[in-house]
Amino acid sequence: MSTVTHAGAPATSAAPARRPGGGRIASHAVMAVMTVYFLLPFWWLLVAATKDNDGLFGSQPLWFGDGFALFDNLSLLVTQDGGVYLKWLRNSALYAVVSGVGATAIAALAGYAFAKLRFPGQGALFAALLGLIMVPATALVLPTYLLMSEAGLADTVWAVILPSLLNPFGVYLLRVYAHDSVPDEMLEAARIDGAGELRVFTRVALPTMRPALVTVLLFTMVATWNNFFLPLVMLSDNELFPLTVGLRTWYMSAIIGNGGPALFNVIVVGALVAIVPLIIAFLLLQRYWRGGLTVGALK
């Protein structure tokens, strides 16, 4: 039923307030289940790292045992095999940082060129780039190993770093981001002021692309840090192993009885320590994701 306002104009009755529906409750329930699903392995790893080797095979895998052996496990971790774990940790950090920074720089240059420049064969190259995104990285490991062997780079740090510098998805992501976030007017204004293309890229485009750059950097660093198959194929020197391959060698030794089952608690706490740098990296860099499309481009 209609009512009349003080100005004489008819107005309809106010609609009743909406109540949360079943769909909203169901979505929250699904999110809660998925949160538990993703956090459960981390919780198990955290609990297992506090147990000695006997406690790992107890009846309460998801809860703490009678003792607290975390610090003893950490002591064993850094002294096992002459402290080789610290070398593996250093190697993983080297591979991840160098590959992440290098891949981000290459992806930024290529993505900006695809988005804002015109050159012969651009369409064909971009189509090839899209095709490379569909190729699994593991399918390229053996051909890459043959190339590295021919170049004399197998069993060196470059055998892991150089293949990791190529990130087709990062190029595509930065191409899309640069196309939408870098106004052509700003680029033309910089060129009119006499800036060269390199200066336009570094002073105008890069500040605007910062959120996407951090995203590509983190994705590449995480992928390189967690990479297993590439260093497994490329490296045979125990001193050059990253954490993924190094922990696997300890696991195989424990399985076949070389070193005994006492290695299992060392492996578990080593896996826990291995994810700490990734958590720190996400916490330090997450604030850059909140920037707008033109962060830093205008003063």
C-alpha atoms as a PDB file:
ATOM      1  CA  MET A   1       0.000   0.000   0.000  1.00  0.00           C
ATOM      2  CA  SER A   2       1.370   3.413  -0.975  1.00  0.00           C
ATOM      3  CA  THR A   3       1.890   6.300   1.404  1.00  0.00           C
ATOM      4  CA  VAL A   4       2.179  10.078   0.836  1.00  0.00           C
ATOM      5  CA  THR A   5       5.238  12.063   1.762  1.00  0.00           C
ATOM      6  CA  HIS A   6       5.219  15.566   3.236  1.00  0.00           C
ATOM      7  CA  ALA A   7       5.778  16.965  -0.288  1.00  0.00           C
ATOM      8  CA  GLY A   8       2.708  15.240  -1.561  1.00  0.00           C
ATOM      9  CA  ALA A   9       4.539  12.723  -3.736  1.00  0.00           C
ATOM     10  CA  PRO A  10       3.488   9.102  -3.431  1.00  0.00           C
ATOM     11  CA  ALA A  11       6.054   6.709  -2.042  1.00  0.00           C
ATOM     12  CA  THR A  12       6.076   2.997  -1.647  1.00  0.00           C
ATOM     13  CA  SER A  13       6.490   1.287   1.668  1.00  0.00           C
ATOM     14  CA  ALA A  14      10.016   0.513   2.700  1.00  0.00           C
ATOM     15  CA  ALA A  15      11.137  -3.019   1.866  1.00  0.00           C
ATOM     16  CA  PRO A  16      11.762  -5.248   4.852  1.00  0.00           C
ATOM     17  CA  ALA A  17      15.398  -5.801   5.818  1.00  0.00           C
ATOM     18  CA  ARG A  18      17.042  -8.809   4.260  1.00  0.00           C
ATOM     19  CA  ARG A  19      17.935 -11.718   6.439  1.00  0.00           C
ATOM     20  CA  PRO A  20      20.952 -13.896   5.817  1.00  0.00           C
ATOM     21  CA  GLY A  21      19.907 -16.712   3.556  1.00  0.00           C
ATOM     22  CA  GLY A  22      20.893 -20.332   3.371  1.00  0.00           C
ATOM     23  CA  GLY A  23      23.323 -19.597   0.549  1.00  0.00           C
ATOM     24  CA  ARG A  24      25.413 -17.316   2.721  1.00  0.00           C
ATOM     25  CA  ILE A  25      25.532 -19.843   5.543  1.00  0.00           C
ATOM     26  CA  ALA A  26      26.534 -22.578   3.105  1.00  0.00           C
ATOM     27  CA  SER A  27      29.342 -20.448   1.640  1.00  0.00           C
ATOM     28  CA  HIS A  28      30.717 -19.727   5.108  1.00  0.00           C
ATOM     29  CA  ALA A  29      30.577 -23.428   5.950  1.00  0.00           C
ATOM     30  CA  VAL A  30      32.471 -24.333   2.768  1.00  0.00           C
ATOM     31  CA  MET A  31      35.091 -21.687   3.527  1.00  0.00           C
ATOM     32  CA  ALA A  32      35.519 -23.028   7.063  1.00  0.00           C
ATOM     33  CA  VAL A  33      35.948 -26.588   5.779  1.00  0.00           C
ATOM     34  CA  MET A  34      38.511 -25.469   3.189  1.00  0.00           C
ATOM     35  CA  THR A  35      40.407 -23.477   5.820  1.00  0.00           C
ATOM     36  CA  VAL A  36      40.689 -26.538   8.022  1.00  0.00           C
ATOM     37  CA  TYR A  37      41.678 -28.640   5.009  1.00  0.00           C
ATOM     38  CA  PHE A  38      44.563 -26.337   4.073  1.00  0.00           C
ATOM     39  CA  LEU A  39      45.760 -25.707   7.631  1.00  0.00           C
ATOM     40  CA  LEU A  40      45.656 -29.341   8.766  1.00  0.00           C
ATOM     41  CA  PRO A  41      48.993 -30.368   7.134  1.00  0.00           C
ATOM     42  CA  PHE A  42      50.719 -27.341   8.631  1.00  0.00           C
ATOM     43  CA  TRP A  43      49.288 -28.158  12.060  1.00  0.00           C
ATOM     44  CA  TRP A  44      50.507 -31.744  11.780  1.00  0.00           C
ATOM     45  CA  LEU A  45      53.976 -30.538  10.771  1.00  0.00           C
ATOM     46  CA  LEU A  46      54.090 -28.100  13.689  1.00  0.00           C
ATOM     47  CA  VAL A  47      53.023 -30.781  16.175  1.00  0.00           C
ATOM     48  CA  ALA A  48      55.330 -33.451  14.733  1.00  0.00           C
ATOM     49  CA  ALA A  49      58.341 -31.140  14.939  1.00  0.00           C
ATOM     50  CA  THR A  50      57.976 -31.102  18.747  1.00  0.00           C
ATOM     51  CA  LYS A  51      58.213 -34.899  19.068  1.00  0.00           C
ATOM     52  CA  ASP A  52      61.165 -37.212  19.206  1.00  0.00           C
ATOM     53  CA  ASN A  53      61.486 -40.084  16.782  1.00  0.00           C
ATOM     54  CA  ASP A  54      59.438 -42.478  18.937  1.00  0.00           C
ATOM     55  CA  GLY A  55      56.671 -39.947  19.445  1.00  0.00           C
ATOM     56  CA  LEU A  56      56.192 -39.502  15.709  1.00  0.00           C
ATOM     57  CA  PHE A  57      54.690 -42.977  15.475  1.00  0.00           C
ATOM     58  CA  GLY A  58      52.443 -42.623  18.519  1.00  0.00           C
ATOM     59  CA  SER A  59      48.655 -42.794  18.680  1.00  0.00           C
ATOM     60  CA  GLN A  60      48.073 -39.011  18.639  1.00  0.00           C
ATOM     61  CA  PRO A  61      49.454 -37.681  15.351  1.00  0.00           C
ATOM     62  CA  LEU A  62      47.533 -34.394  15.589  1.00  0.00           C
ATOM     63  CA  TRP A  63      48.357 -33.508  19.182  1.00  0.00           C
ATOM     64  CA  PHE A  64      51.466 -32.878  21.216  1.00  0.00           C
ATOM     65  CA  GLY A  65      53.203 -35.751  22.994  1.00  0.00           C
ATOM     66  CA  ASP A  66      54.465 -36.033  26.541  1.00  0.00           C
ATOM     67  CA  GLY A  67      57.815 -34.376  25.814  1.00  0.00           C
ATOM     68  CA  PHE A  68      58.810 -31.257  23.914  1.00  0.00           C
ATOM     69  CA  ALA A  69      61.729 -32.154  21.639  1.00  0.00           C
ATOM     70  CA  LEU A  70      61.635 -29.185  19.243  1.00  0.00           C
ATOM     71  CA  PHE A  71      64.928 -27.675  20.363  1.00  0.00           C
ATOM     72  CA  ASP A  72      66.637 -31.068  20.443  1.00  0.00           C
ATOM     73  CA  ASN A  73      65.399 -31.707  16.908  1.00  0.00           C
ATOM     74  CA  LEU A  74      66.701 -28.326  15.767  1.00  0.00           C
ATOM     75  CA  SER A  75      70.090 -29.114  17.299  1.00  0.00           C
ATOM     76  CA  LEU A  76      70.194 -32.432  15.449  1.00  0.00           C
ATOM     77  CA  LEU A  77      69.111 -30.683  12.249  1.00  0.00           C
ATOM     78  CA  VAL A  78      72.008 -28.223  12.138  1.00  0.00           C
ATOM     79  CA  THR A  79      74.605 -30.831  13.112  1.00  0.00           C
ATOM     80  CA  GLN A  80      73.463 -33.780  10.971  1.00  0.00           C
ATOM     81  CA  ASP A  81      76.070 -34.741   8.331  1.00  0.00           C
ATOM     82  CA  GLY A  82      78.364 -31.896   9.302  1.00  0.00           C
ATOM     83  CA  GLY A  83      75.691 -29.185   9.088  1.00  0.00           C
ATOM     84  CA  VAL A  84      74.823 -29.836   5.450  1.00  0.00           C
ATOM     85  CA  TYR A  85      71.243 -28.618   6.054  1.00  0.00           C
ATOM     86  CA  LEU A  86      72.498 -25.049   6.420  1.00  0.00           C
ATOM     87  CA  LYS A  87      74.204 -25.374   3.028  1.00  0.00           C
ATOM     88  CA  TRP A  88      70.979 -26.627   1.504  1.00  0.00           C
ATOM     89  CA  LEU A  89      69.134 -23.711   3.086  1.00  0.00           C
ATOM     90  CA  ARG A  90      71.665 -21.265   1.646  1.00  0.00           C
ATOM     91  CA  ASN A  91      71.390 -22.897  -1.778  1.00  0.00           C
ATOM     92  CA  SER A  92      67.590 -22.663  -1.759  1.00  0.00           C
ATOM     93  CA  ALA A  93      67.786 -18.990  -0.794  1.00  0.00           C
ATOM     94  CA  LEU A  94      70.317 -18.324  -3.570  1.00  0.00           C
ATOM     95  CA  TYR A  95      68.258 -20.098  -6.220  1.00  0.00           C
ATOM     96  CA  ALA A  96      64.985 -18.464  -5.126  1.00  0.00           C
ATOM     97  CA  VAL A  97      66.265 -14.885  -4.801  1.00  0.00           C
ATOM     98  CA  VAL A  98      68.372 -14.805  -7.976  1.00  0.00           C
ATOM     99  CA  SER A  99      65.724 -16.608 -10.027  1.00  0.00           C
ATOM    100  CA  GLY A 100      62.910 -14.492  -8.593  1.00  0.00           C
ATOM    101  CA  VAL A 101      64.585 -11.139  -9.218  1.00  0.00           C
ATOM    102  CA  GLY A 102      65.880 -12.165 -12.641  1.00  0.00           C
ATOM    103  CA  ALA A 103      62.596 -13.666 -13.805  1.00  0.00           C
ATOM    104  CA  THR A 104      60.669 -10.608 -12.588  1.00  0.00           C
ATOM    105  CA  ALA A 105      63.010  -8.231 -14.430  1.00  0.00           C
ATOM    106  CA  ILE A 106      62.734 -10.213 -17.668  1.00  0.00           C
ATOM    107  CA  ALA A 107      58.954 -10.538 -17.327  1.00  0.00           C
ATOM    108  CA  ALA A 108      58.617  -6.786 -16.663  1.00  0.00           C
ATOM    109  CA  LEU A 109      60.613  -5.862 -19.770  1.00  0.00           C
ATOM    110  CA  ALA A 110      58.804  -8.361 -21.974  1.00  0.00           C
ATOM    111  CA  GLY A 111      55.352  -7.599 -20.576  1.00  0.00           C
ATOM    112  CA  TYR A 112      55.814  -3.852 -21.029  1.00  0.00           C
ATOM    113  CA  ALA A 113      57.076  -4.361 -24.588  1.00  0.00           C
ATOM    114  CA  PHE A 114      54.085  -6.527 -25.512  1.00  0.00           C
ATOM    115  CA  ALA A 115      51.650  -4.043 -23.938  1.00  0.00           C
ATOM    116  CA  LYS A 116      53.000  -0.644 -24.992  1.00  0.00           C
ATOM    117  CA  LEU A 117      55.404  -1.087 -27.907  1.00  0.00           C
ATOM    118  CA  ARG A 118      54.936  -2.190 -31.491  1.00  0.00           C
ATOM    119  CA  PHE A 119      57.479  -4.392 -33.245  1.00  0.00           C
ATOM    120  CA  PRO A 120      57.522  -6.957 -36.101  1.00  0.00           C
ATOM    121  CA  GLY A 121      56.262 -10.402 -35.174  1.00  0.00           C
ATOM    122  CA  GLN A 122      54.613  -9.214 -31.977  1.00  0.00           C
ATOM    123  CA  GLY A 123      51.436 -11.227 -32.507  1.00  0.00           C
ATOM    124  CA  ALA A 124      53.283 -14.446 -33.331  1.00  0.00           C
ATOM    125  CA  LEU A 125      55.586 -14.081 -30.328  1.00  0.00           C
ATOM    126  CA  PHE A 126      52.685 -13.456 -27.989  1.00  0.00           C
ATOM    127  CA  ALA A 127      50.850 -16.503 -29.370  1.00  0.00           C
ATOM    128  CA  ALA A 128      53.970 -18.573 -28.745  1.00  0.00           C
ATOM    129  CA  LEU A 129      54.080 -17.180 -25.213  1.00  0.00           C
ATOM    130  CA  LEU A 130      50.505 -18.290 -24.595  1.00  0.00           C
ATOM    131  CA  GLY A 131      51.429 -21.731 -25.892  1.00  0.00           C
ATOM    132  CA  LEU A 132      54.369 -21.956 -23.493  1.00  0.00           C
ATOM    133  CA  ILE A 133      52.034 -21.329 -20.567  1.00  0.00           C
ATOM    134  CA  MET A 134      50.222 -24.557 -21.442  1.00  0.00           C
ATOM    135  CA  VAL A 135      53.415 -26.665 -21.460  1.00  0.00           C
ATOM    136  CA  PRO A 136      54.148 -28.341 -18.094  1.00  0.00           C
ATOM    137  CA  ALA A 137      57.511 -27.301 -16.700  1.00  0.00           C
ATOM    138  CA  THR A 138      58.437 -30.923 -15.968  1.00  0.00           C
ATOM    139  CA  ALA A 139      58.137 -31.765 -19.671  1.00  0.00           C
ATOM    140  CA  LEU A 140      61.010 -29.374 -20.414  1.00  0.00           C
ATOM    141  CA  VAL A 141      63.406 -30.617 -17.738  1.00  0.00           C
ATOM    142  CA  LEU A 142      65.067 -33.390 -19.756  1.00  0.00           C
ATOM    143  CA  PRO A 143      65.595 -31.259 -22.908  1.00  0.00           C
ATOM    144  CA  THR A 144      66.938 -28.511 -20.660  1.00  0.00           C
ATOM    145  CA  TYR A 145      69.340 -30.966 -19.055  1.00  0.00           C
ATOM    146  CA  LEU A 146      70.692 -31.933 -22.486  1.00  0.00           C
ATOM    147  CA  LEU A 147      71.232 -28.258 -23.338  1.00  0.00           C
ATOM    148  CA  MET A 148      72.960 -27.601 -20.037  1.00  0.00           C
ATOM    149  CA  SER A 149      75.178 -30.641 -20.528  1.00  0.00           C
ATOM    150  CA  GLU A 150      76.220 -29.440 -23.971  1.00  0.00           C
ATOM    151  CA  ALA A 151      77.032 -26.026 -22.509  1.00  0.00           C
ATOM    152  CA  GLY A 152      79.012 -27.551 -19.653  1.00  0.00           C
ATOM    153  CA  LEU A 153      76.667 -26.097 -17.022  1.00  0.00           C
ATOM    154  CA  ALA A 154      75.201 -29.315 -15.633  1.00  0.00           C
ATOM    155  CA  ASP A 155      75.810 -29.840 -11.923  1.00  0.00           C
ATOM    156  CA  THR A 156      76.326 -26.115 -11.341  1.00  0.00           C
ATOM    157  CA  VAL A 157      74.122 -23.462  -9.752  1.00  0.00           C
ATOM    158  CA  TRP A 158      73.411 -22.058 -13.231  1.00  0.00           C
ATOM    159  CA  ALA A 159      71.695 -25.294 -14.220  1.00  0.00           C
ATOM    160  CA  VAL A 160      68.955 -24.409 -11.711  1.00  0.00           C
ATOM    161  CA  ILE A 161      68.961 -20.604 -12.037  1.00  0.00           C
ATOM    162  CA  LEU A 162      68.966 -20.144 -15.818  1.00  0.00           C
ATOM    163  CA  PRO A 163      65.855 -22.270 -16.568  1.00  0.00           C
ATOM    164  CA  SER A 164      64.032 -20.560 -13.702  1.00  0.00           C
ATOM    165  CA  LEU A 165      64.523 -17.129 -15.279  1.00  0.00           C
ATOM    166  CA  LEU A 166      61.918 -17.914 -17.941  1.00  0.00           C
ATOM    167  CA  ASN A 167      58.416 -17.349 -16.615  1.00  0.00           C
ATOM    168  CA  PRO A 168      55.834 -17.211 -19.440  1.00  0.00           C
ATOM    169  CA  PHE A 169      52.938 -16.728 -17.038  1.00  0.00           C
ATOM    170  CA  GLY A 170      54.749 -13.810 -15.409  1.00  0.00           C
ATOM    171  CA  VAL A 171      55.219 -12.177 -18.807  1.00  0.00           C
ATOM    172  CA  TYR A 172      51.537 -12.632 -19.593  1.00  0.00           C
ATOM    173  CA  LEU A 173      50.451 -11.274 -16.209  1.00  0.00           C
ATOM    174  CA  LEU A 174      52.627  -8.170 -16.520  1.00  0.00           C
ATOM    175  CA  ARG A 175      51.539  -7.625 -20.104  1.00  0.00           C
ATOM    176  CA  VAL A 176      47.884  -7.563 -19.034  1.00  0.00           C
ATOM    177  CA  TYR A 177      48.636  -5.384 -16.011  1.00  0.00           C
ATOM    178  CA  ALA A 178      50.761  -2.898 -17.954  1.00  0.00           C
ATOM    179  CA  HIS A 179      48.120  -2.635 -20.678  1.00  0.00           C
ATOM    180  CA  ASP A 180      45.409  -1.733 -18.156  1.00  0.00           C
ATOM    181  CA  SER A 181      47.339   0.250 -15.546  1.00  0.00           C
ATOM    182  CA  VAL A 182      49.903   2.322 -17.470  1.00  0.00           C
ATOM    183  CA  PRO A 183      48.125   5.202 -19.274  1.00  0.00           C
ATOM    184  CA  ASP A 184      49.440   5.930 -22.756  1.00  0.00           C
ATOM    185  CA  GLU A 185      49.120   9.647 -22.019  1.00  0.00           C
ATOM    186  CA  MET A 186      51.760   9.437 -19.270  1.00  0.00           C
ATOM    187  CA  LEU A 187      54.156   7.633 -21.584  1.00  0.00           C
ATOM    188  CA  GLU A 188      53.652  10.207 -24.347  1.00  0.00           C
ATOM    189  CA  ALA A 189      54.125  13.063 -21.896  1.00  0.00           C
ATOM    190  CA  ALA A 190      57.413  11.579 -20.742  1.00  0.00           C
ATOM    191  CA  ARG A 191      58.584  11.131 -24.331  1.00  0.00           C
ATOM    192  CA  ILE A 192      57.656  14.726 -25.165  1.00  0.00           C
ATOM    193  CA  ASP A 193      59.761  15.836 -22.182  1.00  0.00           C
ATOM    194  CA  GLY A 194      62.725  14.134 -23.815  1.00  0.00           C
ATOM    195  CA  ALA A 195      62.880  10.879 -21.858  1.00  0.00           C
ATOM    196  CA  GLY A 196      64.192   7.840 -23.690  1.00  0.00           C
ATOM    197  CA  GLU A 197      62.382   4.529 -23.733  1.00  0.00           C
ATOM    198  CA  LEU A 198      64.473   3.062 -20.913  1.00  0.00           C
ATOM    199  CA  ARG A 199      63.824   6.106 -18.714  1.00  0.00           C
ATOM    200  CA  VAL A 200      60.117   6.001 -19.542  1.00  0.00           C
ATOM    201  CA  PHE A 201      60.037   2.349 -18.526  1.00  0.00           C
ATOM    202  CA  THR A 202      61.956   2.761 -15.256  1.00  0.00           C
ATOM    203  CA  ARG A 203      60.475   6.096 -14.102  1.00  0.00           C
ATOM    204  CA  VAL A 204      56.880   5.892 -15.350  1.00  0.00           C
ATOM    205  CA  ALA A 205      55.862   2.286 -16.023  1.00  0.00           C
ATOM    206  CA  LEU A 206      57.645   0.392 -13.253  1.00  0.00           C
ATOM    207  CA  PRO A 207      56.146   2.343 -10.300  1.00  0.00           C
ATOM    208  CA  THR A 208      52.685   1.715 -11.709  1.00  0.00           C
ATOM    209  CA  MET A 209      53.359  -1.994 -12.188  1.00  0.00           C
ATOM    210  CA  ARG A 210      54.672  -2.513  -8.647  1.00  0.00           C
ATOM    211  CA  PRO A 211      51.792  -4.666  -7.296  1.00  0.00           C
ATOM    212  CA  ALA A 212      52.075  -7.022 -10.281  1.00  0.00           C
ATOM    213  CA  LEU A 213      55.870  -7.080  -9.994  1.00  0.00           C
ATOM    214  CA  VAL A 214      55.652  -8.197  -6.373  1.00  0.00           C
ATOM    215  CA  THR A 215      53.139 -10.875  -7.350  1.00  0.00           C
ATOM    216  CA  VAL A 216      55.414 -12.276 -10.058  1.00  0.00           C
ATOM    217  CA  LEU A 217      58.399 -12.060  -7.710  1.00  0.00           C
ATOM    218  CA  LEU A 218      56.638 -14.048  -4.993  1.00  0.00           C
ATOM    219  CA  PHE A 219      55.255 -16.648  -7.395  1.00  0.00           C
ATOM    220  CA  THR A 220      58.675 -17.212  -8.936  1.00  0.00           C
ATOM    221  CA  MET A 221      60.472 -17.357  -5.601  1.00  0.00           C
ATOM    222  CA  VAL A 222      57.958 -19.841  -4.184  1.00  0.00           C
ATOM    223  CA  ALA A 223      58.094 -21.987  -7.333  1.00  0.00           C
ATOM    224  CA  THR A 224      61.903 -22.038  -7.284  1.00  0.00           C
ATOM    225  CA  TRP A 225      62.070 -22.662  -3.532  1.00  0.00           C
ATOM    226  CA  ASN A 226      59.695 -25.623  -3.864  1.00  0.00           C
ATOM    227  CA  ASN A 227      61.171 -26.910  -7.128  1.00  0.00           C
ATOM    228  CA  PHE A 228      62.180 -30.545  -6.859  1.00  0.00           C
ATOM    229  CA  PHE A 229      62.400 -32.225 -10.256  1.00  0.00           C
ATOM    230  CA  LEU A 230      64.664 -29.670 -11.956  1.00  0.00           C
ATOM    231  CA  PRO A 231      67.461 -29.669  -9.329  1.00  0.00           C
ATOM    232  CA  LEU A 232      67.060 -33.459  -8.915  1.00  0.00           C
ATOM    233  CA  VAL A 233      67.905 -33.936 -12.596  1.00  0.00           C
ATOM    234  CA  MET A 234      70.473 -31.148 -12.918  1.00  0.00           C
ATOM    235  CA  LEU A 235      72.521 -31.675  -9.760  1.00  0.00           C
ATOM    236  CA  SER A 236      74.539 -34.596  -8.440  1.00  0.00           C
ATOM    237  CA  ASP A 237      76.762 -32.700  -5.990  1.00  0.00           C
ATOM    238  CA  ASN A 238      75.367 -32.942  -2.473  1.00  0.00           C
ATOM    239  CA  GLU A 239      76.824 -29.517  -1.664  1.00  0.00           C
ATOM    240  CA  LEU A 240      74.635 -27.865  -4.349  1.00  0.00           C
ATOM    241  CA  PHE A 241      71.307 -29.469  -3.403  1.00  0.00           C
ATOM    242  CA  PRO A 242      68.392 -27.235  -2.389  1.00  0.00           C
ATOM    243  CA  LEU A 243      66.251 -28.175   0.590  1.00  0.00           C
ATOM    244  CA  THR A 244      63.747 -30.176  -1.435  1.00  0.00           C
ATOM    245  CA  VAL A 245      66.347 -32.552  -2.868  1.00  0.00           C
ATOM    246  CA  GLY A 246      68.443 -32.613   0.295  1.00  0.00           C
ATOM    247  CA  LEU A 247      65.565 -33.651   2.545  1.00  0.00           C
ATOM    248  CA  ARG A 248      64.682 -36.310   0.016  1.00  0.00           C
ATOM    249  CA  THR A 249      68.160 -37.824   0.324  1.00  0.00           C
ATOM    250  CA  TRP A 250      67.723 -38.049   4.103  1.00  0.00           C
ATOM    251  CA  TYR A 251      64.289 -39.604   3.644  1.00  0.00           C
ATOM    252  CA  MET A 252      65.640 -42.248   1.268  1.00  0.00           C
ATOM    253  CA  SER A 253      68.447 -42.997   3.732  1.00  0.00           C
ATOM    254  CA  ALA A 254      65.900 -43.465   6.514  1.00  0.00           C
ATOM    255  CA  ILE A 255      63.707 -45.692   4.335  1.00  0.00           C
ATOM    256  CA  ILE A 256      66.496 -48.059   3.317  1.00  0.00           C
ATOM    257  CA  GLY A 257      67.939 -48.101   6.827  1.00  0.00           C
ATOM    258  CA  ASN A 258      71.104 -46.116   6.138  1.00  0.00           C
ATOM    259  CA  GLY A 259      71.154 -43.825   9.142  1.00  0.00           C
ATOM    260  CA  GLY A 260      68.233 -45.548  10.818  1.00  0.00           C
ATOM    261  CA  PRO A 261      64.746 -44.271  11.635  1.00  0.00           C
ATOM    262  CA  ALA A 262      66.239 -41.554  13.838  1.00  0.00           C
ATOM    263  CA  LEU A 263      66.363 -39.359  10.744  1.00  0.00           C
ATOM    264  CA  PHE A 264      62.583 -38.990  10.575  1.00  0.00           C
ATOM    265  CA  ASN A 265      62.341 -36.379  13.332  1.00  0.00           C
ATOM    266  CA  VAL A 266      65.206 -34.466  11.677  1.00  0.00           C
ATOM    267  CA  ILE A 267      63.379 -34.537   8.334  1.00  0.00           C
ATOM    268  CA  VAL A 268      60.145 -33.267   9.890  1.00  0.00           C
ATOM    269  CA  VAL A 269      61.746 -30.329  11.675  1.00  0.00           C
ATOM    270  CA  GLY A 270      63.753 -29.599   8.517  1.00  0.00           C
ATOM    271  CA  ALA A 271      60.526 -29.368   6.532  1.00  0.00           C
ATOM    272  CA  LEU A 272      59.093 -26.990   9.144  1.00  0.00           C
ATOM    273  CA  VAL A 273      62.149 -24.720   9.010  1.00  0.00           C
ATOM    274  CA  ALA A 274      61.997 -24.789   5.196  1.00  0.00           C
ATOM    275  CA  ILE A 275      58.611 -23.060   5.074  1.00  0.00           C
ATOM    276  CA  VAL A 276      59.479 -20.291   7.536  1.00  0.00           C
ATOM    277  CA  PRO A 277      61.292 -18.092   4.943  1.00  0.00           C
ATOM    278  CA  LEU A 278      58.279 -18.299   2.621  1.00  0.00           C
ATOM    279  CA  ILE A 279      55.928 -17.176   5.397  1.00  0.00           C
ATOM    280  CA  ILE A 280      58.239 -14.258   6.214  1.00  0.00           C
ATOM    281  CA  ALA A 281      58.432 -13.256   2.536  1.00  0.00           C
ATOM    282  CA  PHE A 282      54.637 -13.190   2.217  1.00  0.00           C
ATOM    283  CA  LEU A 283      54.225 -11.181   5.404  1.00  0.00           C
ATOM    284  CA  LEU A 284      56.814  -8.598   4.333  1.00  0.00           C
ATOM    285  CA  LEU A 285      55.575  -8.156   0.761  1.00  0.00           C
ATOM    286  CA  GLN A 286      51.802  -8.514   1.094  1.00  0.00           C
ATOM    287  CA  ARG A 287      51.273  -4.789   1.675  1.00  0.00           C
ATOM    288  CA  TYR A 288      52.422  -4.037  -1.880  1.00  0.00           C
ATOM    289  CA  TRP A 289      49.473  -6.001  -3.272  1.00  0.00           C
ATOM    290  CA  ARG A 290      47.046  -3.451  -1.884  1.00  0.00           C
ATOM    291  CA  GLY A 291      48.149  -0.662  -4.186  1.00  0.00           C
ATOM    292  CA  GLY A 292      45.879   0.737  -6.840  1.00  0.00           C
ATOM    293  CA  LEU A 293      46.412   0.621 -10.547  1.00  0.00           C
ATOM    294  CA  THR A 294      48.534   3.800 -10.554  1.00  0.00           C
ATOM    295  CA  VAL A 295      50.474   3.451  -7.291  1.00  0.00           C
ATOM    296  CA  GLY A 296      53.591   5.602  -7.434  1.00  0.00           C
ATOM    297  CA  ALA A 297      52.968   6.840 -10.971  1.00  0.00           C
ATOM    298  CA  LEU A 298      51.656  10.293 -10.067  1.00  0.00           C
ATOM    299  CA  LYS A 299      52.868  12.710  -7.444  1.00  0.00           C
END
